[in-house]
Amino acid sequence: MLRPARRPTGAEPRAFLRRLVHEIRSHWPRVEILVRADSHYCAPEVLEFCRAARTDFLLGVASTTTLRRHVETLEASTTRRHASAPGGEKLRRYREFHDGAAS
């Protein structure tokens, strides 16, 4: 779903995903589906749909001051680890947290 310089509402990607998931499951009813998308898809309507449709999801989250606060220590330690690692290979680390919105 491409459009010039306008963030879609949560209802638009939900409708798109609903049609897509329905079409896939009409052919393969027991298939496991993983939705990967950027932060434009990270809306309550999309999250609710994915949970209700038993669809796994990985959605980007736009940076906020709360998010930055949660990851600043991890980011600093990852930078140090990367600098001291031989060969300069990629280093990925993950962190899980719950903020005030319970998201």
PDB file of N, CA and C in Angstrom:
ATOM      1  N   MET A   1       0.855  -1.159   0.000  1.00  0.00           N
ATOM      2  CA  MET A   1       0.000   0.000   0.000  1.00  0.00           C
ATOM      3  C   MET A   1       0.905   1.227   0.000  1.00  0.00           C
ATOM      4  N   LEU A   2       1.070   1.839  -1.143  1.00  0.00           N
ATOM      5  CA  LEU A   2       1.933   3.007  -1.261  1.00  0.00           C
ATOM      6  C   LEU A   2       1.080   4.236  -1.532  1.00  0.00           C
ATOM      7  N   ARG A   3       1.436   5.306  -0.904  1.00  0.00           N
ATOM      8  CA  ARG A   3       0.728   6.568  -1.130  1.00  0.00           C
ATOM      9  C   ARG A   3       1.690   7.708  -0.841  1.00  0.00           C
ATOM     10  N   PRO A   4       1.539   8.818  -1.500  1.00  0.00           N
ATOM     11  CA  PRO A   4       2.473   9.929  -1.293  1.00  0.00           C
ATOM     12  C   PRO A   4       2.230  10.673   0.016  1.00  0.00           C
ATOM     13  N   ALA A   5       3.237  10.720   0.839  1.00  0.00           N
ATOM     14  CA  ALA A   5       3.327  11.604   2.008  1.00  0.00           C
ATOM     15  C   ALA A   5       2.075  11.710   2.861  1.00  0.00           C
ATOM     16  N   ARG A   6       1.401  10.609   3.095  1.00  0.00           N
ATOM     17  CA  ARG A   6       0.254  10.653   3.999  1.00  0.00           C
ATOM     18  C   ARG A   6       0.195   9.352   4.764  1.00  0.00           C
ATOM     19  N   ARG A   7       0.236   9.476   6.070  1.00  0.00           N
ATOM     20  CA  ARG A   7       0.145   8.283   6.923  1.00  0.00           C
ATOM     21  C   ARG A   7      -1.292   7.786   6.919  1.00  0.00           C
ATOM     22  N   PRO A   8      -1.492   6.492   6.638  1.00  0.00           N
ATOM     23  CA  PRO A   8      -2.858   5.971   6.634  1.00  0.00           C
ATOM     24  C   PRO A   8      -3.409   5.876   8.051  1.00  0.00           C
ATOM     25  N   THR A   9      -4.717   5.925   8.174  1.00  0.00           N
ATOM     26  CA  THR A   9      -5.339   5.694   9.474  1.00  0.00           C
ATOM     27  C   THR A   9      -5.202   4.209   9.790  1.00  0.00           C
ATOM     28  N   GLY A  10      -5.466   3.809  10.996  1.00  0.00           N
ATOM     29  CA  GLY A  10      -5.368   2.400  11.360  1.00  0.00           C
ATOM     30  C   GLY A  10      -6.369   1.525  10.632  1.00  0.00           C
ATOM     31  N   ALA A  11      -7.499   2.106  10.213  1.00  0.00           N
ATOM     32  CA  ALA A  11      -8.529   1.330   9.523  1.00  0.00           C
ATOM     33  C   ALA A  11      -8.071   0.891   8.134  1.00  0.00           C
ATOM     34  N   GLU A  12      -7.263   1.700   7.460  1.00  0.00           N
ATOM     35  CA  GLU A  12      -6.817   1.359   6.100  1.00  0.00           C
ATOM     36  C   GLU A  12      -5.919   0.124   6.068  1.00  0.00           C
ATOM     37  N   PRO A  13      -4.827   0.091   6.839  1.00  0.00           N
ATOM     38  CA  PRO A  13      -4.017  -1.130   6.802  1.00  0.00           C
ATOM     39  C   PRO A  13      -4.754  -2.341   7.376  1.00  0.00           C
ATOM     40  N   ARG A  14      -5.650  -2.120   8.342  1.00  0.00           N
ATOM     41  CA  ARG A  14      -6.433  -3.240   8.874  1.00  0.00           C
ATOM     42  C   ARG A  14      -7.288  -3.857   7.775  1.00  0.00           C
ATOM     43  N   ALA A  15      -7.955  -3.030   6.977  1.00  0.00           N
ATOM     44  CA  ALA A  15      -8.787  -3.536   5.879  1.00  0.00           C
ATOM     45  C   ALA A  15      -7.930  -4.277   4.855  1.00  0.00           C
ATOM     46  N   PHE A  16      -6.769  -3.732   4.537  1.00  0.00           N
ATOM     47  CA  PHE A  16      -5.856  -4.379   3.598  1.00  0.00           C
ATOM     48  C   PHE A  16      -5.410  -5.741   4.128  1.00  0.00           C
ATOM     49  N   LEU A  17      -4.986  -5.776   5.399  1.00  0.00           N
ATOM     50  CA  LEU A  17      -4.538  -7.034   6.000  1.00  0.00           C
ATOM     51  C   LEU A  17      -5.668  -8.045   6.105  1.00  0.00           C
ATOM     52  N   ARG A  18      -6.862  -7.579   6.425  1.00  0.00           N
ATOM     53  CA  ARG A  18      -8.008  -8.485   6.539  1.00  0.00           C
ATOM     54  C   ARG A  18      -8.253  -9.194   5.203  1.00  0.00           C
ATOM     55  N   ARG A  19      -8.233  -8.435   4.101  1.00  0.00           N
ATOM     56  CA  ARG A  19      -8.430  -9.041   2.780  1.00  0.00           C
ATOM     57  C   ARG A  19      -7.292  -9.999   2.443  1.00  0.00           C
ATOM     58  N   LEU A  20      -6.057  -9.584   2.739  1.00  0.00           N
ATOM     59  CA  LEU A  20      -4.894 -10.404   2.422  1.00  0.00           C
ATOM     60  C   LEU A  20      -4.899 -11.715   3.217  1.00  0.00           C
ATOM     61  N   VAL A  21      -5.111 -11.619   4.513  1.00  0.00           N
ATOM     62  CA  VAL A  21      -5.126 -12.814   5.370  1.00  0.00           C
ATOM     63  C   VAL A  21      -6.269 -13.739   4.959  1.00  0.00           C
ATOM     64  N   HIS A  22      -7.431 -13.175   4.659  1.00  0.00           N
ATOM     65  CA  HIS A  22      -8.566 -13.997   4.226  1.00  0.00           C
ATOM     66  C   HIS A  22      -8.226 -14.747   2.936  1.00  0.00           C
ATOM     67  N   GLU A  23      -7.624 -14.069   1.988  1.00  0.00           N
ATOM     68  CA  GLU A  23      -7.275 -14.712   0.719  1.00  0.00           C
ATOM     69  C   GLU A  23      -6.243 -15.821   0.916  1.00  0.00           C
ATOM     70  N   ILE A  24      -5.226 -15.553   1.717  1.00  0.00           N
ATOM     71  CA  ILE A  24      -4.206 -16.581   1.985  1.00  0.00           C
ATOM     72  C   ILE A  24      -4.834 -17.784   2.672  1.00  0.00           C
ATOM     73  N   ARG A  25      -5.636 -17.533   3.698  1.00  0.00           N
ATOM     74  CA  ARG A  25      -6.222 -18.650   4.456  1.00  0.00           C
ATOM     75  C   ARG A  25      -7.314 -19.383   3.674  1.00  0.00           C
ATOM     76  N   SER A  26      -7.879 -18.753   2.654  1.00  0.00           N
ATOM     77  CA  SER A  26      -8.859 -19.473   1.833  1.00  0.00           C
ATOM     78  C   SER A  26      -8.184 -20.588   1.037  1.00  0.00           C
ATOM     79  N   HIS A  27      -6.911 -20.435   0.748  1.00  0.00           N
ATOM     80  CA  HIS A  27      -6.159 -21.460   0.028  1.00  0.00           C
ATOM     81  C   HIS A  27      -5.390 -22.385   0.981  1.00  0.00           C
ATOM     82  N   TRP A  28      -4.871 -21.822   2.062  1.00  0.00           N
ATOM     83  CA  TRP A  28      -4.070 -22.582   3.032  1.00  0.00           C
ATOM     84  C   TRP A  28      -4.593 -22.277   4.429  1.00  0.00           C
ATOM     85  N   PRO A  29      -5.634 -22.943   4.879  1.00  0.00           N
ATOM     86  CA  PRO A  29      -6.306 -22.580   6.137  1.00  0.00           C
ATOM     87  C   PRO A  29      -5.457 -22.710   7.404  1.00  0.00           C
ATOM     88  N   ARG A  30      -4.461 -23.581   7.397  1.00  0.00           N
ATOM     89  CA  ARG A  30      -3.679 -23.791   8.622  1.00  0.00           C
ATOM     90  C   ARG A  30      -2.314 -23.107   8.573  1.00  0.00           C
ATOM     91  N   VAL A  31      -2.089 -22.273   7.588  1.00  0.00           N
ATOM     92  CA  VAL A  31      -0.784 -21.631   7.446  1.00  0.00           C
ATOM     93  C   VAL A  31      -0.559 -20.619   8.579  1.00  0.00           C
ATOM     94  N   GLU A  32       0.682 -20.529   9.010  1.00  0.00           N
ATOM     95  CA  GLU A  32       1.047 -19.503   9.992  1.00  0.00           C
ATOM     96  C   GLU A  32       1.487 -18.266   9.232  1.00  0.00           C
ATOM     97  N   ILE A  33       0.960 -17.121   9.600  1.00  0.00           N
ATOM     98  CA  ILE A  33       1.249 -15.875   8.890  1.00  0.00           C
ATOM     99  C   ILE A  33       1.980 -14.929   9.825  1.00  0.00           C
ATOM    100  N   LEU A  34       3.054 -14.338   9.315  1.00  0.00           N
ATOM    101  CA  LEU A  34       3.804 -13.326  10.052  1.00  0.00           C
ATOM    102  C   LEU A  34       3.743 -12.028   9.255  1.00  0.00           C
ATOM    103  N   VAL A  35       3.207 -10.995   9.865  1.00  0.00           N
ATOM    104  CA  VAL A  35       3.125  -9.678   9.238  1.00  0.00           C
ATOM    105  C   VAL A  35       4.318  -8.861   9.709  1.00  0.00           C
ATOM    106  N   ARG A  36       5.121  -8.375   8.763  1.00  0.00           N
ATOM    107  CA  ARG A  36       6.234  -7.472   9.078  1.00  0.00           C
ATOM    108  C   ARG A  36       5.955  -6.151   8.392  1.00  0.00           C
ATOM    109  N   ALA A  37       6.018  -5.065   9.146  1.00  0.00           N
ATOM    110  CA  ALA A  37       5.708  -3.763   8.559  1.00  0.00           C
ATOM    111  C   ALA A  37       6.388  -2.655   9.349  1.00  0.00           C
ATOM    112  N   ASP A  38       6.419  -1.474   8.752  1.00  0.00           N
ATOM    113  CA  ASP A  38       7.036  -0.336   9.424  1.00  0.00           C
ATOM    114  C   ASP A  38       6.043   0.312  10.393  1.00  0.00           C
ATOM    115  N   SER A  39       6.445   1.433  10.961  1.00  0.00           N
ATOM    116  CA  SER A  39       5.642   2.057  12.018  1.00  0.00           C
ATOM    117  C   SER A  39       4.302   2.594  11.525  1.00  0.00           C
ATOM    118  N   HIS A  40       4.121   2.758  10.226  1.00  0.00           N
ATOM    119  CA  HIS A  40       2.824   3.219   9.729  1.00  0.00           C
ATOM    120  C   HIS A  40       1.717   2.191   9.969  1.00  0.00           C
ATOM    121  N   TYR A  41       2.099   0.936  10.120  1.00  0.00           N
ATOM    122  CA  TYR A  41       1.122  -0.115  10.398  1.00  0.00           C
ATOM    123  C   TYR A  41       0.893  -0.285  11.895  1.00  0.00           C
ATOM    124  N   CYS A  42       1.706   0.306  12.712  1.00  0.00           N
ATOM    125  CA  CYS A  42       1.603   0.114  14.155  1.00  0.00           C
ATOM    126  C   CYS A  42       0.497   0.999  14.720  1.00  0.00           C
ATOM    127  N   ALA A  43      -0.727   0.517  14.585  1.00  0.00           N
ATOM    128  CA  ALA A  43      -1.910   1.228  15.070  1.00  0.00           C
ATOM    129  C   ALA A  43      -2.752   0.232  15.868  1.00  0.00           C
ATOM    130  N   PRO A  44      -3.525   0.712  16.820  1.00  0.00           N
ATOM    131  CA  PRO A  44      -4.338  -0.207  17.629  1.00  0.00           C
ATOM    132  C   PRO A  44      -5.238  -1.116  16.799  1.00  0.00           C
ATOM    133  N   GLU A  45      -5.804  -0.590  15.719  1.00  0.00           N
ATOM    134  CA  GLU A  45      -6.690  -1.405  14.886  1.00  0.00           C
ATOM    135  C   GLU A  45      -5.949  -2.587  14.261  1.00  0.00           C
ATOM    136  N   VAL A  46      -4.704  -2.354  13.839  1.00  0.00           N
ATOM    137  CA  VAL A  46      -3.905  -3.417  13.230  1.00  0.00           C
ATOM    138  C   VAL A  46      -3.508  -4.452  14.281  1.00  0.00           C
ATOM    139  N   LEU A  47      -3.087  -3.981  15.452  1.00  0.00           N
ATOM    140  CA  LEU A  47      -2.711  -4.897  16.523  1.00  0.00           C
ATOM    141  C   LEU A  47      -3.893  -5.780  16.928  1.00  0.00           C
ATOM    142  N   GLU A  48      -5.059  -5.176  17.083  1.00  0.00           N
ATOM    143  CA  GLU A  48      -6.258  -5.934  17.457  1.00  0.00           C
ATOM    144  C   GLU A  48      -6.604  -6.957  16.381  1.00  0.00           C
ATOM    145  N   PHE A  49      -6.510  -6.554  15.106  1.00  0.00           N
ATOM    146  CA  PHE A  49      -6.813  -7.482  14.026  1.00  0.00           C
ATOM    147  C   PHE A  49      -5.848  -8.663  14.041  1.00  0.00           C
ATOM    148  N   CYS A  50      -4.558  -8.386  14.147  1.00  0.00           N
ATOM    149  CA  CYS A  50      -3.557  -9.461  14.117  1.00  0.00           C
ATOM    150  C   CYS A  50      -3.786 -10.452  15.252  1.00  0.00           C
ATOM    151  N   ARG A  51      -4.095  -9.950  16.423  1.00  0.00           N
ATOM    152  CA  ARG A  51      -4.362 -10.858  17.548  1.00  0.00           C
ATOM    153  C   ARG A  51      -5.615 -11.688  17.308  1.00  0.00           C
ATOM    154  N   ALA A  52      -6.679 -11.050  16.824  1.00  0.00           N
ATOM    155  CA  ALA A  52      -7.936 -11.757  16.580  1.00  0.00           C
ATOM    156  C   ALA A  52      -7.808 -12.769  15.445  1.00  0.00           C
ATOM    157  N   ALA A  53      -6.975 -12.468  14.455  1.00  0.00           N
ATOM    158  CA  ALA A  53      -6.811 -13.349  13.294  1.00  0.00           C
ATOM    159  C   ALA A  53      -5.729 -14.398  13.519  1.00  0.00           C
ATOM    160  N   ARG A  54      -5.198 -14.469  14.749  1.00  0.00           N
ATOM    161  CA  ARG A  54      -4.123 -15.422  15.063  1.00  0.00           C
ATOM    162  C   ARG A  54      -2.959 -15.266  14.094  1.00  0.00           C
ATOM    163  N   THR A  55      -2.577 -14.027  13.869  1.00  0.00           N
ATOM    164  CA  THR A  55      -1.490 -13.696  12.964  1.00  0.00           C
ATOM    165  C   THR A  55      -0.349 -13.093  13.774  1.00  0.00           C
ATOM    166  N   ASP A  56       0.847 -13.639  13.631  1.00  0.00           N
ATOM    167  CA  ASP A  56       2.005 -13.066  14.313  1.00  0.00           C
ATOM    168  C   ASP A  56       2.389 -11.763  13.624  1.00  0.00           C
ATOM    169  N   PHE A  57       3.045 -10.872  14.360  1.00  0.00           N
ATOM    170  CA  PHE A  57       3.405  -9.599  13.757  1.00  0.00           C
ATOM    171  C   PHE A  57       4.691  -9.045  14.342  1.00  0.00           C
ATOM    172  N   LEU A  58       5.438  -8.358  13.494  1.00  0.00           N
ATOM    173  CA  LEU A  58       6.626  -7.578  13.859  1.00  0.00           C
ATOM    174  C   LEU A  58       6.421  -6.213  13.236  1.00  0.00           C
ATOM    175  N   LEU A  59       6.137  -5.226  14.057  1.00  0.00           N
ATOM    176  CA  LEU A  59       5.861  -3.895  13.533  1.00  0.00           C
ATOM    177  C   LEU A  59       6.867  -2.901  14.088  1.00  0.00           C
ATOM    178  N   GLY A  60       7.341  -2.025  13.228  1.00  0.00           N
ATOM    179  CA  GLY A  60       8.225  -0.972  13.684  1.00  0.00           C
ATOM    180  C   GLY A  60       7.475  -0.001  14.569  1.00  0.00           C
ATOM    181  N   VAL A  61       8.195   0.665  15.420  1.00  0.00           N
ATOM    182  CA  VAL A  61       7.593   1.660  16.307  1.00  0.00           C
ATOM    183  C   VAL A  61       8.350   2.966  16.114  1.00  0.00           C
ATOM    184  N   ALA A  62       7.621   4.038  15.877  1.00  0.00           N
ATOM    185  CA  ALA A  62       8.255   5.337  15.710  1.00  0.00           C
ATOM    186  C   ALA A  62       8.931   5.740  17.019  1.00  0.00           C
ATOM    187  N   SER A  63      10.053   6.393  16.911  1.00  0.00           N
ATOM    188  CA  SER A  63      10.805   6.800  18.095  1.00  0.00           C
ATOM    189  C   SER A  63      10.048   7.867  18.893  1.00  0.00           C
ATOM    190  N   THR A  64      10.057   7.673  20.205  1.00  0.00           N
ATOM    191  CA  THR A  64       9.467   8.651  21.118  1.00  0.00           C
ATOM    192  C   THR A  64      10.442   8.847  22.274  1.00  0.00           C
ATOM    193  N   THR A  65      10.217   9.861  23.086  1.00  0.00           N
ATOM    194  CA  THR A  65      11.110  10.081  24.229  1.00  0.00           C
ATOM    195  C   THR A  65      11.031   8.911  25.205  1.00  0.00           C
ATOM    196  N   THR A  66       9.854   8.321  25.367  1.00  0.00           N
ATOM    197  CA  THR A  66       9.707   7.166  26.256  1.00  0.00           C
ATOM    198  C   THR A  66      10.494   5.981  25.724  1.00  0.00           C
ATOM    199  N   LEU A  67      10.375   5.701  24.433  1.00  0.00           N
ATOM    200  CA  LEU A  67      11.124   4.612  23.830  1.00  0.00           C
ATOM    201  C   LEU A  67      12.625   4.855  23.952  1.00  0.00           C
ATOM    202  N   ARG A  68      13.078   6.055  23.666  1.00  0.00           N
ATOM    203  CA  ARG A  68      14.502   6.383  23.770  1.00  0.00           C
ATOM    204  C   ARG A  68      15.000   6.137  25.189  1.00  0.00           C
ATOM    205  N   ARG A  69      14.216   6.517  26.183  1.00  0.00           N
ATOM    206  CA  ARG A  69      14.611   6.331  27.575  1.00  0.00           C
ATOM    207  C   ARG A  69      14.781   4.843  27.905  1.00  0.00           C
ATOM    208  N   HIS A  70      13.904   3.998  27.359  1.00  0.00           N
ATOM    209  CA  HIS A  70      13.975   2.563  27.628  1.00  0.00           C
ATOM    210  C   HIS A  70      15.191   1.899  26.981  1.00  0.00           C
ATOM    211  N   VAL A  71      15.662   2.423  25.859  1.00  0.00           N
ATOM    212  CA  VAL A  71      16.733   1.733  25.138  1.00  0.00           C
ATOM    213  C   VAL A  71      18.082   2.426  25.193  1.00  0.00           C
ATOM    214  N   GLU A  72      18.194   3.563  25.832  1.00  0.00           N
ATOM    215  CA  GLU A  72      19.469   4.294  25.799  1.00  0.00           C
ATOM    216  C   GLU A  72      20.615   3.507  26.435  1.00  0.00           C
ATOM    217  N   THR A  73      20.383   2.798  27.515  1.00  0.00           N
ATOM    218  CA  THR A  73      21.438   1.999  28.137  1.00  0.00           C
ATOM    219  C   THR A  73      21.840   0.834  27.232  1.00  0.00           C
ATOM    220  N   LEU A  74      20.855   0.165  26.661  1.00  0.00           N
ATOM    221  CA  LEU A  74      21.137  -0.939  25.739  1.00  0.00           C
ATOM    222  C   LEU A  74      21.898  -0.434  24.510  1.00  0.00           C
ATOM    223  N   GLU A  75      21.517   0.708  24.005  1.00  0.00           N
ATOM    224  CA  GLU A  75      22.181   1.279  22.835  1.00  0.00           C
ATOM    225  C   GLU A  75      23.647   1.604  23.135  1.00  0.00           C
ATOM    226  N   ALA A  76      23.905   2.186  24.286  1.00  0.00           N
ATOM    227  CA  ALA A  76      25.284   2.533  24.667  1.00  0.00           C
ATOM    228  C   ALA A  76      26.137   1.279  24.844  1.00  0.00           C
ATOM    229  N   SER A  77      25.597   0.252  25.514  1.00  0.00           N
ATOM    230  CA  SER A  77      26.388  -0.965  25.727  1.00  0.00           C
ATOM    231  C   SER A  77      26.603  -1.715  24.410  1.00  0.00           C
ATOM    232  N   THR A  78      25.645  -1.646  23.504  1.00  0.00           N
ATOM    233  CA  THR A  78      25.803  -2.284  22.193  1.00  0.00           C
ATOM    234  C   THR A  78      26.893  -1.576  21.389  1.00  0.00           C
ATOM    235  N   THR A  79      26.933  -0.265  21.464  1.00  0.00           N
ATOM    236  CA  THR A  79      27.979   0.498  20.775  1.00  0.00           C
ATOM    237  C   THR A  79      29.352   0.113  21.296  1.00  0.00           C
ATOM    238  N   ARG A  80      29.489  -0.019  22.612  1.00  0.00           N
ATOM    239  CA  ARG A  80      30.772  -0.432  23.196  1.00  0.00           C
ATOM    240  C   ARG A  80      31.153  -1.847  22.763  1.00  0.00           C
ATOM    241  N   ARG A  81      30.201  -2.767  22.797  1.00  0.00           N
ATOM    242  CA  ARG A  81      30.477  -4.146  22.385  1.00  0.00           C
ATOM    243  C   ARG A  81      30.911  -4.214  20.921  1.00  0.00           C
ATOM    244  N   HIS A  82      30.236  -3.450  20.075  1.00  0.00           N
ATOM    245  CA  HIS A  82      30.563  -3.454  18.650  1.00  0.00           C
ATOM    246  C   HIS A  82      31.962  -2.907  18.414  1.00  0.00           C
ATOM    247  N   ALA A  83      32.327  -1.849  19.120  1.00  0.00           N
ATOM    248  CA  ALA A  83      33.655  -1.249  18.957  1.00  0.00           C
ATOM    249  C   ALA A  83      34.765  -2.197  19.394  1.00  0.00           C
ATOM    250  N   SER A  84      34.486  -3.027  20.401  1.00  0.00           N
ATOM    251  CA  SER A  84      35.522  -3.934  20.902  1.00  0.00           C
ATOM    252  C   SER A  84      35.535  -5.295  20.203  1.00  0.00           C
ATOM    253  N   ALA A  85      34.531  -5.557  19.362  1.00  0.00           N
ATOM    254  CA  ALA A  85      34.458  -6.855  18.672  1.00  0.00           C
ATOM    255  C   ALA A  85      35.395  -6.865  17.471  1.00  0.00           C
ATOM    256  N   PRO A  86      36.129  -7.941  17.287  1.00  0.00           N
ATOM    257  CA  PRO A  86      37.004  -8.025  16.117  1.00  0.00           C
ATOM    258  C   PRO A  86      36.190  -8.228  14.836  1.00  0.00           C
ATOM    259  N   GLY A  87      36.628  -7.595  13.761  1.00  0.00           N
ATOM    260  CA  GLY A  87      35.985  -7.808  12.469  1.00  0.00           C
ATOM    261  C   GLY A  87      34.810  -6.901  12.173  1.00  0.00           C
ATOM    262  N   GLY A  88      34.322  -6.171  13.133  1.00  0.00           N
ATOM    263  CA  GLY A  88      33.216  -5.238  12.896  1.00  0.00           C
ATOM    264  C   GLY A  88      31.939  -5.887  12.383  1.00  0.00           C
ATOM    265  N   GLU A  89      31.667  -7.119  12.817  1.00  0.00           N
ATOM    266  CA  GLU A  89      30.448  -7.793  12.376  1.00  0.00           C
ATOM    267  C   GLU A  89      29.215  -7.138  12.999  1.00  0.00           C
ATOM    268  N   LYS A  90      28.062  -7.383  12.372  1.00  0.00           N
ATOM    269  CA  LYS A  90      26.819  -6.833  12.895  1.00  0.00           C
ATOM    270  C   LYS A  90      26.543  -7.387  14.283  1.00  0.00           C
ATOM    271  N   LEU A  91      25.953  -6.564  15.102  1.00  0.00           N
ATOM    272  CA  LEU A  91      25.602  -6.963  16.457  1.00  0.00           C
ATOM    273  C   LEU A  91      24.161  -6.544  16.697  1.00  0.00           C
ATOM    274  N   ARG A  92      23.317  -7.514  16.990  1.00  0.00           N
ATOM    275  CA  ARG A  92      21.911  -7.218  17.241  1.00  0.00           C
ATOM    276  C   ARG A  92      21.574  -7.643  18.652  1.00  0.00           C
ATOM    277  N   ARG A  93      20.877  -6.767  19.341  1.00  0.00           N
ATOM    278  CA  ARG A  93      20.426  -7.072  20.698  1.00  0.00           C
ATOM    279  C   ARG A  93      18.975  -6.636  20.803  1.00  0.00           C
ATOM    280  N   TYR A  94      18.256  -7.245  21.715  1.00  0.00           N
ATOM    281  CA  TYR A  94      16.831  -6.986  21.845  1.00  0.00           C
ATOM    282  C   TYR A  94      16.492  -6.700  23.300  1.00  0.00           C
ATOM    283  N   ARG A  95      15.432  -5.954  23.466  1.00  0.00           N
ATOM    284  CA  ARG A  95      14.974  -5.645  24.817  1.00  0.00           C
ATOM    285  C   ARG A  95      13.457  -5.602  24.802  1.00  0.00           C
ATOM    286  N   GLU A  96      12.854  -6.139  25.825  1.00  0.00           N
ATOM    287  CA  GLU A  96      11.413  -6.099  25.965  1.00  0.00           C
ATOM    288  C   GLU A  96      11.071  -5.266  27.186  1.00  0.00           C
ATOM    289  N   PHE A  97      10.053  -4.450  27.067  1.00  0.00           N
ATOM    290  CA  PHE A  97       9.619  -3.635  28.198  1.00  0.00           C
ATOM    291  C   PHE A  97       8.163  -3.272  28.031  1.00  0.00           C
ATOM    292  N   HIS A  98       7.549  -2.874  29.119  1.00  0.00           N
ATOM    293  CA  HIS A  98       6.167  -2.409  29.111  1.00  0.00           C
ATOM    294  C   HIS A  98       6.176  -0.986  29.627  1.00  0.00           C
ATOM    295  N   ASP A  99       5.542  -0.102  28.852  1.00  0.00           N
ATOM    296  CA  ASP A  99       5.500   1.290  29.319  1.00  0.00           C
ATOM    297  C   ASP A  99       4.161   1.575  29.968  1.00  0.00           C
ATOM    298  N   GLY A 100       3.891   2.820  30.260  1.00  0.00           N
ATOM    299  CA  GLY A 100       2.655   3.195  30.951  1.00  0.00           C
ATOM    300  C   GLY A 100       1.392   2.841  30.196  1.00  0.00           C
ATOM    301  N   ALA A 101       1.502   2.739  28.860  1.00  0.00           N
ATOM    302  CA  ALA A 101       0.339   2.388  28.060  1.00  0.00           C
ATOM    303  C   ALA A 101       0.161   0.878  27.963  1.00  0.00           C
ATOM    304  N   ALA A 102       1.009   0.125  28.629  1.00  0.00           N
ATOM    305  CA  ALA A 102       0.967  -1.347  28.626  1.00  0.00           C
ATOM    306  C   ALA A 102       1.115  -1.923  27.231  1.00  0.00           C
ATOM    307  N   SER A 103       1.916  -1.253  26.419  1.00  0.00           N
ATOM    308  CA  SER A 103       2.124  -1.740  25.042  1.00  0.00           C
ATOM    309  C   SER A 103       3.518  -2.323  24.904  1.00  0.00           C
TER     310      SER A 103
END
